[in-house]
Amino acid sequence: MVKIQDENDLKKLNHTNNLIQAYITRYLQYFLKTYECSDISEFGAFFFLESIEDCKRHREMGLSLPLDKSIYEFTDRLSIIGKNEKVELLHSCFVLTNDYAVSLFAEPVTLTTEIINNLLEDSTERIINIDSEEI
């Protein structure tokens, strides 16, 4: 599991698919620019789940319930499209307090069927295009 709160944390994704890296980088930069800050630690964190084992670490993410039972604010099923490839990524946001939220990013293959069923119960689908310059 990779916890991301500033641009330096993005280096921890260097073994992750380039399209996923580019999307999470874009998403973090949006928050940093919007809130004019150098990190998001005061109001949230991003977690990239790398394995099924990471799903069991819900308390480290600030969640009181396991992912197959947690209540989320939204889930987007993303199709991220690059020049020569396409990847699927789930992005779920969990609001923990009025001032703090976490976003979880995971490829569907790293999640259990129960978790996927929970997260996709009320979800939207989005297509994201990534330019080769972002990779």
N, C-alpha and C. Protein backbone atom coordinates (compact mmCIF):
# COMPACT_ATOMS: atom_id res chain seq x y z
N MET A 1 0.86 -1.17 0.00
CA MET A 1 0.00 0.00 0.00
C MET A 1 0.91 1.23 0.00
N VAL A 2 0.57 2.16 -0.85
CA VAL A 2 1.32 3.40 -0.95
C VAL A 2 0.44 4.55 -0.46
N LYS A 3 0.94 5.27 0.55
CA LYS A 3 0.23 6.45 1.05
C LYS A 3 0.84 7.68 0.38
N ILE A 4 -0.03 8.53 -0.15
CA ILE A 4 0.42 9.71 -0.89
C ILE A 4 -0.20 10.95 -0.27
N GLN A 5 0.67 11.90 0.11
CA GLN A 5 0.19 13.18 0.63
C GLN A 5 0.94 14.37 0.04
N ASP A 6 2.04 14.10 -0.65
CA ASP A 6 2.77 15.18 -1.31
C ASP A 6 3.46 14.62 -2.56
N GLU A 7 4.06 15.52 -3.33
CA GLU A 7 4.66 15.10 -4.60
C GLU A 7 5.80 14.11 -4.41
N ASN A 8 6.54 14.19 -3.32
CA ASN A 8 7.62 13.23 -3.07
C ASN A 8 7.10 11.81 -2.92
N ASP A 9 5.88 11.66 -2.39
CA ASP A 9 5.29 10.33 -2.23
C ASP A 9 5.00 9.67 -3.56
N LEU A 10 4.86 10.45 -4.62
CA LEU A 10 4.57 9.88 -5.93
C LEU A 10 5.70 8.97 -6.42
N LYS A 11 6.91 9.19 -5.92
CA LYS A 11 8.05 8.34 -6.30
C LYS A 11 7.82 6.89 -5.88
N LYS A 12 7.01 6.68 -4.86
CA LYS A 12 6.72 5.33 -4.38
C LYS A 12 5.89 4.53 -5.40
N LEU A 13 5.37 5.21 -6.41
CA LEU A 13 4.57 4.56 -7.44
C LEU A 13 5.42 4.15 -8.65
N ASN A 14 6.73 4.25 -8.56
CA ASN A 14 7.58 4.03 -9.73
C ASN A 14 7.47 2.63 -10.33
N HIS A 15 6.97 1.67 -9.60
CA HIS A 15 6.79 0.31 -10.14
C HIS A 15 5.35 0.06 -10.60
N THR A 16 4.54 1.10 -10.57
CA THR A 16 3.13 1.02 -10.94
C THR A 16 2.97 1.36 -12.42
N ASN A 17 1.91 0.90 -13.03
CA ASN A 17 1.61 1.21 -14.42
C ASN A 17 1.71 2.72 -14.66
N ASN A 18 2.32 3.10 -15.78
CA ASN A 18 2.54 4.52 -16.10
C ASN A 18 1.25 5.32 -16.19
N LEU A 19 0.20 4.73 -16.70
CA LEU A 19 -1.07 5.45 -16.81
C LEU A 19 -1.66 5.73 -15.42
N ILE A 20 -1.54 4.77 -14.53
CA ILE A 20 -2.03 4.95 -13.16
C ILE A 20 -1.20 6.03 -12.47
N GLN A 21 0.10 5.97 -12.62
CA GLN A 21 0.98 6.99 -12.05
C GLN A 21 0.57 8.38 -12.54
N ALA A 22 0.36 8.49 -13.83
CA ALA A 22 0.02 9.79 -14.41
C ALA A 22 -1.32 10.29 -13.87
N TYR A 23 -2.31 9.42 -13.74
CA TYR A 23 -3.61 9.83 -13.24
C TYR A 23 -3.52 10.30 -11.79
N ILE A 24 -2.87 9.52 -10.94
CA ILE A 24 -2.77 9.89 -9.53
C ILE A 24 -1.95 11.18 -9.38
N THR A 25 -0.92 11.34 -10.18
CA THR A 25 -0.13 12.57 -10.17
C THR A 25 -1.01 13.76 -10.54
N ARG A 26 -1.78 13.62 -11.59
CA ARG A 26 -2.69 14.69 -12.03
C ARG A 26 -3.69 15.03 -10.93
N TYR A 27 -4.23 14.01 -10.30
CA TYR A 27 -5.24 14.21 -9.25
C TYR A 27 -4.63 14.93 -8.05
N LEU A 28 -3.44 14.51 -7.62
CA LEU A 28 -2.77 15.18 -6.50
C LEU A 28 -2.44 16.62 -6.84
N GLN A 29 -1.92 16.86 -8.03
CA GLN A 29 -1.57 18.23 -8.43
C GLN A 29 -2.79 19.14 -8.45
N TYR A 30 -3.94 18.59 -8.81
CA TYR A 30 -5.18 19.37 -8.77
C TYR A 30 -5.44 19.87 -7.34
N PHE A 31 -5.32 19.00 -6.34
CA PHE A 31 -5.56 19.39 -4.95
C PHE A 31 -4.51 20.39 -4.47
N LEU A 32 -3.25 20.14 -4.80
CA LEU A 32 -2.18 21.04 -4.36
C LEU A 32 -2.38 22.45 -4.92
N LYS A 33 -2.79 22.51 -6.18
CA LYS A 33 -3.02 23.81 -6.82
C LYS A 33 -4.29 24.48 -6.26
N THR A 34 -5.36 23.72 -6.17
CA THR A 34 -6.64 24.27 -5.70
C THR A 34 -6.53 24.83 -4.29
N TYR A 35 -5.86 24.09 -3.41
CA TYR A 35 -5.78 24.50 -2.02
C TYR A 35 -4.47 25.24 -1.69
N GLU A 36 -3.69 25.52 -2.73
CA GLU A 36 -2.44 26.28 -2.60
C GLU A 36 -1.62 25.78 -1.42
N CYS A 37 -1.26 24.49 -1.49
CA CYS A 37 -0.49 23.87 -0.43
C CYS A 37 0.57 22.95 -1.03
N SER A 38 1.49 22.50 -0.20
CA SER A 38 2.54 21.60 -0.68
C SER A 38 2.26 20.15 -0.34
N ASP A 39 1.27 19.92 0.53
CA ASP A 39 0.84 18.55 0.82
C ASP A 39 -0.62 18.59 1.28
N ILE A 40 -1.26 17.42 1.25
CA ILE A 40 -2.68 17.35 1.59
C ILE A 40 -2.91 16.74 2.98
N SER A 41 -1.86 16.61 3.77
CA SER A 41 -1.95 15.89 5.04
C SER A 41 -2.97 16.49 6.02
N GLU A 42 -3.23 17.78 5.94
CA GLU A 42 -4.18 18.38 6.87
C GLU A 42 -5.63 18.03 6.55
N PHE A 43 -5.89 17.66 5.30
CA PHE A 43 -7.28 17.37 4.95
C PHE A 43 -7.48 16.02 4.26
N GLY A 44 -6.40 15.23 4.09
CA GLY A 44 -6.63 13.93 3.49
C GLY A 44 -5.39 13.19 3.10
N ALA A 45 -5.62 12.08 2.43
CA ALA A 45 -4.54 11.23 1.93
C ALA A 45 -5.08 10.38 0.80
N PHE A 46 -4.18 9.96 -0.08
CA PHE A 46 -4.50 9.00 -1.13
C PHE A 46 -3.80 7.70 -0.77
N PHE A 47 -4.44 6.59 -1.06
CA PHE A 47 -3.84 5.28 -0.86
C PHE A 47 -3.97 4.49 -2.15
N PHE A 48 -2.85 3.98 -2.63
CA PHE A 48 -2.87 3.08 -3.79
C PHE A 48 -2.69 1.67 -3.24
N LEU A 49 -3.71 0.84 -3.44
CA LEU A 49 -3.69 -0.53 -2.95
C LEU A 49 -3.03 -1.42 -3.99
N GLU A 50 -1.94 -2.04 -3.61
CA GLU A 50 -1.15 -2.83 -4.54
C GLU A 50 -1.48 -4.31 -4.53
N SER A 51 -2.12 -4.78 -3.47
CA SER A 51 -2.38 -6.22 -3.35
C SER A 51 -3.64 -6.46 -2.53
N ILE A 52 -4.09 -7.69 -2.57
CA ILE A 52 -5.26 -8.08 -1.78
C ILE A 52 -4.96 -7.93 -0.29
N GLU A 53 -3.72 -8.09 0.10
CA GLU A 53 -3.32 -7.92 1.50
C GLU A 53 -3.53 -6.49 1.96
N ASP A 54 -3.32 -5.53 1.07
CA ASP A 54 -3.52 -4.11 1.43
C ASP A 54 -4.97 -3.83 1.81
N CYS A 55 -5.90 -4.58 1.25
CA CYS A 55 -7.32 -4.37 1.54
C CYS A 55 -7.64 -4.64 3.00
N LYS A 56 -6.83 -5.46 3.65
CA LYS A 56 -7.06 -5.79 5.05
C LYS A 56 -6.55 -4.70 6.00
N ARG A 57 -5.90 -3.70 5.46
CA ARG A 57 -5.28 -2.65 6.28
C ARG A 57 -6.18 -1.41 6.37
N HIS A 58 -7.48 -1.63 6.45
CA HIS A 58 -8.44 -0.52 6.44
C HIS A 58 -8.23 0.46 7.59
N ARG A 59 -7.82 -0.02 8.75
CA ARG A 59 -7.61 0.88 9.89
C ARG A 59 -6.46 1.85 9.63
N GLU A 60 -5.43 1.40 8.92
CA GLU A 60 -4.31 2.28 8.58
C GLU A 60 -4.75 3.41 7.64
N MET A 61 -5.84 3.16 6.92
CA MET A 61 -6.38 4.17 6.02
C MET A 61 -7.35 5.10 6.73
N GLY A 62 -7.67 4.79 7.99
CA GLY A 62 -8.59 5.61 8.75
C GLY A 62 -10.02 5.09 8.73
N LEU A 63 -10.25 3.95 8.12
CA LEU A 63 -11.60 3.39 8.01
C LEU A 63 -11.90 2.50 9.21
N SER A 64 -13.10 2.62 9.75
CA SER A 64 -13.47 1.81 10.91
C SER A 64 -13.98 0.43 10.52
N LEU A 65 -14.42 0.29 9.28
CA LEU A 65 -14.94 -0.99 8.80
C LEU A 65 -14.11 -1.49 7.63
N PRO A 66 -14.09 -2.80 7.41
CA PRO A 66 -13.40 -3.34 6.23
C PRO A 66 -14.00 -2.79 4.94
N LEU A 67 -13.23 -2.85 3.88
CA LEU A 67 -13.66 -2.25 2.61
C LEU A 67 -14.94 -2.86 2.04
N ASP A 68 -15.24 -4.09 2.36
CA ASP A 68 -16.48 -4.69 1.84
C ASP A 68 -17.72 -4.21 2.60
N LYS A 69 -17.50 -3.44 3.68
CA LYS A 69 -18.63 -2.91 4.47
C LYS A 69 -18.58 -1.39 4.63
N SER A 70 -17.49 -0.78 4.27
CA SER A 70 -17.32 0.66 4.44
C SER A 70 -18.27 1.45 3.55
N ILE A 71 -18.70 2.59 4.08
CA ILE A 71 -19.59 3.48 3.34
C ILE A 71 -18.73 4.58 2.73
N TYR A 72 -18.86 4.77 1.44
CA TYR A 72 -18.04 5.71 0.70
C TYR A 72 -18.87 6.88 0.19
N GLU A 73 -18.20 7.97 -0.10
CA GLU A 73 -18.86 9.14 -0.68
C GLU A 73 -19.14 8.92 -2.15
N PHE A 74 -18.13 8.41 -2.86
CA PHE A 74 -18.32 8.07 -4.27
C PHE A 74 -17.28 7.04 -4.69
N THR A 75 -17.61 6.32 -5.75
CA THR A 75 -16.65 5.45 -6.43
C THR A 75 -16.76 5.72 -7.92
N ASP A 76 -15.61 5.94 -8.53
CA ASP A 76 -15.52 6.06 -9.99
C ASP A 76 -14.80 4.84 -10.52
N ARG A 77 -15.39 4.24 -11.52
CA ARG A 77 -14.72 3.15 -12.25
C ARG A 77 -14.08 3.83 -13.46
N LEU A 78 -12.76 3.92 -13.43
CA LEU A 78 -12.02 4.67 -14.44
C LEU A 78 -11.45 3.75 -15.50
N SER A 79 -11.60 4.17 -16.74
CA SER A 79 -10.88 3.56 -17.86
C SER A 79 -9.86 4.62 -18.27
N ILE A 80 -8.61 4.34 -17.98
CA ILE A 80 -7.54 5.29 -18.28
C ILE A 80 -6.89 4.85 -19.59
N ILE A 81 -6.94 5.74 -20.57
CA ILE A 81 -6.50 5.39 -21.91
C ILE A 81 -5.28 6.21 -22.29
N GLY A 82 -4.23 5.52 -22.70
CA GLY A 82 -3.02 6.15 -23.21
C GLY A 82 -2.91 5.89 -24.69
N LYS A 83 -1.77 6.17 -25.24
CA LYS A 83 -1.57 6.00 -26.68
C LYS A 83 -1.75 4.54 -27.12
N ASN A 84 -1.15 3.61 -26.36
CA ASN A 84 -1.18 2.21 -26.78
C ASN A 84 -1.74 1.25 -25.75
N GLU A 85 -2.33 1.77 -24.70
CA GLU A 85 -2.87 0.86 -23.69
C GLU A 85 -4.02 1.48 -22.93
N LYS A 86 -4.71 0.62 -22.22
CA LYS A 86 -5.85 1.03 -21.41
C LYS A 86 -5.78 0.24 -20.10
N VAL A 87 -6.03 0.91 -18.98
CA VAL A 87 -6.09 0.22 -17.69
C VAL A 87 -7.37 0.61 -16.97
N GLU A 88 -7.81 -0.29 -16.13
CA GLU A 88 -8.99 -0.04 -15.30
C GLU A 88 -8.51 0.28 -13.89
N LEU A 89 -9.16 1.27 -13.26
CA LEU A 89 -8.80 1.67 -11.91
C LEU A 89 -10.06 2.09 -11.18
N LEU A 90 -10.19 1.64 -9.94
CA LEU A 90 -11.29 2.11 -9.11
C LEU A 90 -10.77 3.21 -8.20
N HIS A 91 -11.56 4.26 -8.06
CA HIS A 91 -11.23 5.38 -7.18
C HIS A 91 -12.43 5.59 -6.27
N SER A 92 -12.22 5.34 -4.99
CA SER A 92 -13.28 5.53 -4.00
C SER A 92 -12.85 6.57 -2.98
N CYS A 93 -13.76 7.45 -2.64
CA CYS A 93 -13.48 8.49 -1.66
C CYS A 93 -14.31 8.21 -0.40
N PHE A 94 -13.64 8.28 0.75
CA PHE A 94 -14.29 8.07 2.03
C PHE A 94 -14.11 9.34 2.87
N VAL A 95 -15.22 9.95 3.26
CA VAL A 95 -15.17 11.14 4.10
C VAL A 95 -15.16 10.66 5.55
N LEU A 96 -14.08 10.97 6.26
CA LEU A 96 -13.92 10.49 7.63
C LEU A 96 -14.42 11.49 8.66
N THR A 97 -14.22 12.79 8.39
CA THR A 97 -14.75 13.85 9.25
C THR A 97 -15.13 15.01 8.33
N ASN A 98 -15.62 16.09 8.90
CA ASN A 98 -15.94 17.26 8.09
C ASN A 98 -14.71 17.84 7.41
N ASP A 99 -13.54 17.55 7.95
CA ASP A 99 -12.30 18.15 7.46
C ASP A 99 -11.30 17.17 6.88
N TYR A 100 -11.64 15.89 6.79
CA TYR A 100 -10.64 14.91 6.36
C TYR A 100 -11.30 13.79 5.55
N ALA A 101 -10.67 13.49 4.42
CA ALA A 101 -11.17 12.41 3.55
C ALA A 101 -9.98 11.65 2.98
N VAL A 102 -10.21 10.39 2.63
CA VAL A 102 -9.18 9.60 1.96
C VAL A 102 -9.73 9.08 0.65
N SER A 103 -8.84 9.01 -0.33
CA SER A 103 -9.18 8.41 -1.61
C SER A 103 -8.38 7.13 -1.76
N LEU A 104 -9.06 6.07 -2.15
CA LEU A 104 -8.41 4.79 -2.39
C LEU A 104 -8.41 4.52 -3.88
N PHE A 105 -7.26 4.10 -4.39
CA PHE A 105 -7.11 3.75 -5.80
C PHE A 105 -6.67 2.30 -5.87
N ALA A 106 -7.33 1.50 -6.71
CA ALA A 106 -6.95 0.10 -6.84
C ALA A 106 -7.37 -0.44 -8.19
N GLU A 107 -6.54 -1.29 -8.74
CA GLU A 107 -6.95 -2.02 -9.93
C GLU A 107 -7.91 -3.10 -9.46
N PRO A 108 -8.98 -3.35 -10.21
CA PRO A 108 -9.97 -4.34 -9.77
C PRO A 108 -9.39 -5.71 -9.46
N VAL A 109 -8.34 -6.12 -10.13
CA VAL A 109 -7.75 -7.44 -9.90
C VAL A 109 -7.12 -7.57 -8.51
N THR A 110 -6.90 -6.45 -7.82
CA THR A 110 -6.30 -6.51 -6.49
C THR A 110 -7.36 -6.49 -5.39
N LEU A 111 -8.64 -6.54 -5.76
CA LEU A 111 -9.73 -6.49 -4.79
C LEU A 111 -10.52 -7.78 -4.80
N THR A 112 -11.14 -8.10 -3.68
CA THR A 112 -12.01 -9.27 -3.62
C THR A 112 -13.35 -8.95 -4.29
N THR A 113 -14.08 -9.98 -4.60
CA THR A 113 -15.40 -9.81 -5.20
C THR A 113 -16.32 -9.03 -4.26
N GLU A 114 -16.23 -9.30 -2.97
CA GLU A 114 -17.07 -8.61 -1.98
C GLU A 114 -16.77 -7.11 -1.94
N ILE A 115 -15.51 -6.77 -2.00
CA ILE A 115 -15.13 -5.36 -1.99
C ILE A 115 -15.61 -4.68 -3.26
N ILE A 116 -15.39 -5.31 -4.40
CA ILE A 116 -15.83 -4.75 -5.68
C ILE A 116 -17.34 -4.55 -5.67
N ASN A 117 -18.08 -5.55 -5.20
CA ASN A 117 -19.54 -5.43 -5.15
C ASN A 117 -19.98 -4.26 -4.28
N ASN A 118 -19.31 -4.07 -3.14
CA ASN A 118 -19.65 -2.94 -2.27
C ASN A 118 -19.34 -1.61 -2.96
N LEU A 119 -18.13 -1.48 -3.49
CA LEU A 119 -17.71 -0.20 -4.06
C LEU A 119 -18.47 0.16 -5.33
N LEU A 120 -18.89 -0.84 -6.08
CA LEU A 120 -19.58 -0.55 -7.34
C LEU A 120 -21.10 -0.48 -7.20
N GLU A 121 -21.59 -0.68 -5.98
CA GLU A 121 -23.04 -0.64 -5.78
C GLU A 121 -23.65 0.68 -6.24
N ASP A 122 -22.96 1.77 -5.98
CA ASP A 122 -23.40 3.10 -6.42
C ASP A 122 -22.16 3.81 -6.98
N SER A 123 -21.89 3.60 -8.23
CA SER A 123 -20.66 4.14 -8.82
C SER A 123 -20.94 4.78 -10.17
N THR A 124 -19.95 5.50 -10.64
CA THR A 124 -20.03 6.10 -11.97
C THR A 124 -18.84 5.59 -12.79
N GLU A 125 -18.99 5.64 -14.10
CA GLU A 125 -17.90 5.25 -14.99
C GLU A 125 -17.39 6.48 -15.70
N ARG A 126 -16.06 6.57 -15.77
CA ARG A 126 -15.44 7.70 -16.44
C ARG A 126 -14.30 7.20 -17.32
N ILE A 127 -14.10 7.90 -18.42
CA ILE A 127 -12.97 7.63 -19.31
C ILE A 127 -11.98 8.78 -19.14
N ILE A 128 -10.73 8.44 -18.89
CA ILE A 128 -9.67 9.42 -18.70
C ILE A 128 -8.63 9.22 -19.79
N ASN A 129 -8.33 10.26 -20.52
CA ASN A 129 -7.28 10.20 -21.54
C ASN A 129 -6.00 10.81 -20.97
N ILE A 130 -4.92 10.09 -21.12
CA ILE A 130 -3.62 10.55 -20.65
C ILE A 130 -2.72 10.78 -21.87
N ASP A 131 -2.21 12.00 -21.98
CA ASP A 131 -1.29 12.32 -23.07
C ASP A 131 0.07 11.69 -22.80
N SER A 132 0.80 11.42 -23.84
CA SER A 132 2.11 10.79 -23.67
C SER A 132 3.07 11.68 -22.88
N GLU A 133 2.87 13.00 -22.87
CA GLU A 133 3.73 13.91 -22.12
C GLU A 133 3.56 13.71 -20.60
N GLU A 134 2.42 13.21 -20.18
CA GLU A 134 2.17 13.02 -18.74
C GLU A 134 2.80 11.75 -18.20
N ILE A 135 3.22 10.88 -19.09
CA ILE A 135 3.76 9.58 -18.66
C ILE A 135 5.26 9.69 -18.45
